[in-house]
Protein backbone atom coordinates (compact mmCIF):
# COMPACT_ATOMS: atom_id res chain seq x y z
CA MET A 1 -0.01 -0.07 -0.02
CA ALA A 2 1.11 3.50 -0.73
CA VAL A 3 0.62 6.57 1.36
CA LEU A 4 0.28 10.29 0.78
CA ILE A 5 1.89 12.62 2.61
CA GLU A 6 -0.44 15.89 3.03
CA SER A 7 0.83 19.36 2.51
CA MET A 8 4.65 18.06 2.10
CA GLU A 9 6.33 19.54 -0.70
CA MET A 10 8.77 16.95 -2.95
CA PRO A 11 12.69 17.67 -2.40
CA LYS A 12 13.42 19.78 -5.67
CA GLU A 13 17.30 17.56 -5.15
CA GLY A 14 18.40 15.34 -2.99
CA PHE A 15 15.86 13.00 -0.50
CA VAL A 16 13.83 14.05 2.78
CA GLU A 17 13.72 11.14 5.84
CA ILE A 18 10.78 11.07 7.65
CA LEU A 19 9.14 9.10 10.27
CA ILE A 20 5.56 7.98 9.93
CA ARG A 21 4.40 7.46 13.73
CA ASP A 22 1.35 4.67 14.29
CA ASP A 23 -0.93 7.54 14.73
CA GLY A 24 -0.51 9.01 10.82
CA THR A 25 1.77 11.89 12.15
CA VAL A 26 4.87 12.40 9.91
CA GLN A 27 7.47 14.19 11.62
CA GLN A 28 10.92 15.26 8.75
CA THR A 29 14.12 13.74 10.22
CA GLY A 30 16.31 14.20 7.86
CA LYS A 31 17.20 16.03 4.92
CA SER A 32 20.28 15.55 2.13
CA TYR A 33 21.32 18.42 -0.13
CA ARG A 34 24.42 19.39 -2.48
CA ILE A 35 26.34 22.61 -2.29
CA ASP A 36 29.27 23.40 -4.84
CA GLY A 37 28.92 19.28 -6.15
CA THR A 38 29.46 18.27 -2.39
CA ASP A 39 26.71 16.16 -0.87
CA TYR A 40 25.26 16.95 2.82
CA TYR A 41 22.87 15.36 5.17
CA THR A 42 21.33 17.14 7.84
CA SER A 43 19.86 15.27 10.72
CA TYR A 44 16.86 16.86 12.41
CA ILE A 45 15.43 13.95 15.29
CA GLY A 46 13.87 15.38 18.19
CA GLU A 47 13.81 19.25 16.72
CA MET A 48 11.24 19.48 14.00
CA PRO A 49 7.72 19.64 14.80
CA VAL A 50 5.42 17.04 13.20
CA MET A 51 3.99 19.12 10.67
CA TYR A 52 2.21 16.31 8.24
CA LYS A 53 -0.07 13.51 8.17
CA ALA A 54 0.44 10.34 6.60
CA VAL A 55 -2.88 8.76 4.65
CA PRO A 56 -2.90 5.22 3.40
CA VAL A 57 -3.33 4.61 -0.45
CA PRO A 58 -4.87 1.92 -1.57
CA PRO A 59 -3.93 -0.13 -4.73
CA HIS A 60 -5.83 1.84 -7.60
CA GLY A 61 -5.38 2.55 -11.04
CA ARG A 62 -4.29 5.60 -12.43
CA LEU A 63 -5.35 8.77 -10.91
CA ILE A 64 -6.57 11.41 -12.86
CA ASP A 65 -7.92 15.03 -11.29
CA ALA A 66 -11.35 14.33 -12.03
CA ASP A 67 -12.02 18.18 -11.46
CA ALA A 68 -9.89 19.45 -14.04
CA PHE A 69 -11.31 16.92 -16.24
CA ILE A 70 -14.69 17.50 -16.07
CA SER A 71 -13.90 20.98 -16.45
CA THR A 72 -12.74 20.75 -19.81
CA ILE A 73 -16.82 18.88 -21.39
CA ARG A 74 -19.20 21.38 -22.28
CA PRO A 75 -22.08 22.06 -21.02
CA LEU A 76 -25.43 20.66 -22.54
CA CYS A 77 -26.84 23.50 -24.46
CA GLU A 78 -30.19 23.85 -26.40
CA GLU A 79 -28.07 22.39 -29.95
CA ASP A 80 -27.16 19.33 -28.05
CA LYS A 81 -31.12 18.19 -28.79
CA PHE A 82 -30.49 17.96 -32.14
CA ALA A 83 -26.88 16.32 -32.30
CA ALA A 84 -26.95 13.04 -33.94
CA CYS A 85 -24.36 10.44 -31.89
CA THR A 86 -25.10 7.31 -31.17
CA PHE A 87 -24.74 5.93 -27.43
CA GLU A 88 -21.71 4.10 -28.65
CA THR A 89 -19.96 6.98 -30.13
CA VAL A 90 -20.60 8.72 -26.91
CA LYS A 91 -18.66 5.94 -24.95
CA ARG A 92 -15.93 6.08 -27.48
CA LEU A 93 -15.29 9.72 -27.33
CA MET A 94 -15.80 9.66 -23.37
CA VAL A 95 -12.85 6.90 -23.17
CA GLU A 96 -10.97 8.26 -25.69
CA HIS A 97 -10.85 11.41 -24.21
CA ILE A 98 -10.24 9.98 -20.30
CA ASN A 99 -6.93 8.24 -21.98
CA ASN A 100 -5.73 11.70 -22.81
CA THR A 101 -6.41 13.03 -19.60
CA PRO A 102 -3.03 13.72 -17.74
CA THR A 103 -2.02 11.42 -15.04
CA ILE A 104 -1.67 12.78 -11.55
CA ILE A 105 -0.49 9.60 -9.49
CA PRO A 106 0.93 6.35 -11.53
CA ALA A 107 -1.23 2.95 -11.01
CA SER A 108 -0.15 1.16 -7.97
CA LYS A 109 1.92 -2.28 -8.67
CA GLU A 110 -0.57 -3.70 -6.26
CA VAL A 111 -3.15 -5.57 -7.95
CA SER A 112 -6.56 -3.61 -6.99
CA THR A 113 -9.78 -5.52 -5.96
């Protein structure tokens, strides 16, 4: 199972070390960074406040931004009454539109049931 860490920024380089507690709170415990080609690592154990919350993400397929997808669909209008389009054509176009929507989180490697 994957974990989403709410409100935490992805590091632009290096990595961030975290501790996820049993209650789902997250504490940053260290960070790596590079200055002039030299790698550094800073430990924050006991010094950083708990600022994040870990949320379990169950096995899933490709995740898209459904709100952004819906905003691309033109609202129904009076002319739609006269559109000569079969239900099969509508389904094909919707699937094509969904397939072209950018992925926010790729499908998990675990099998979804």
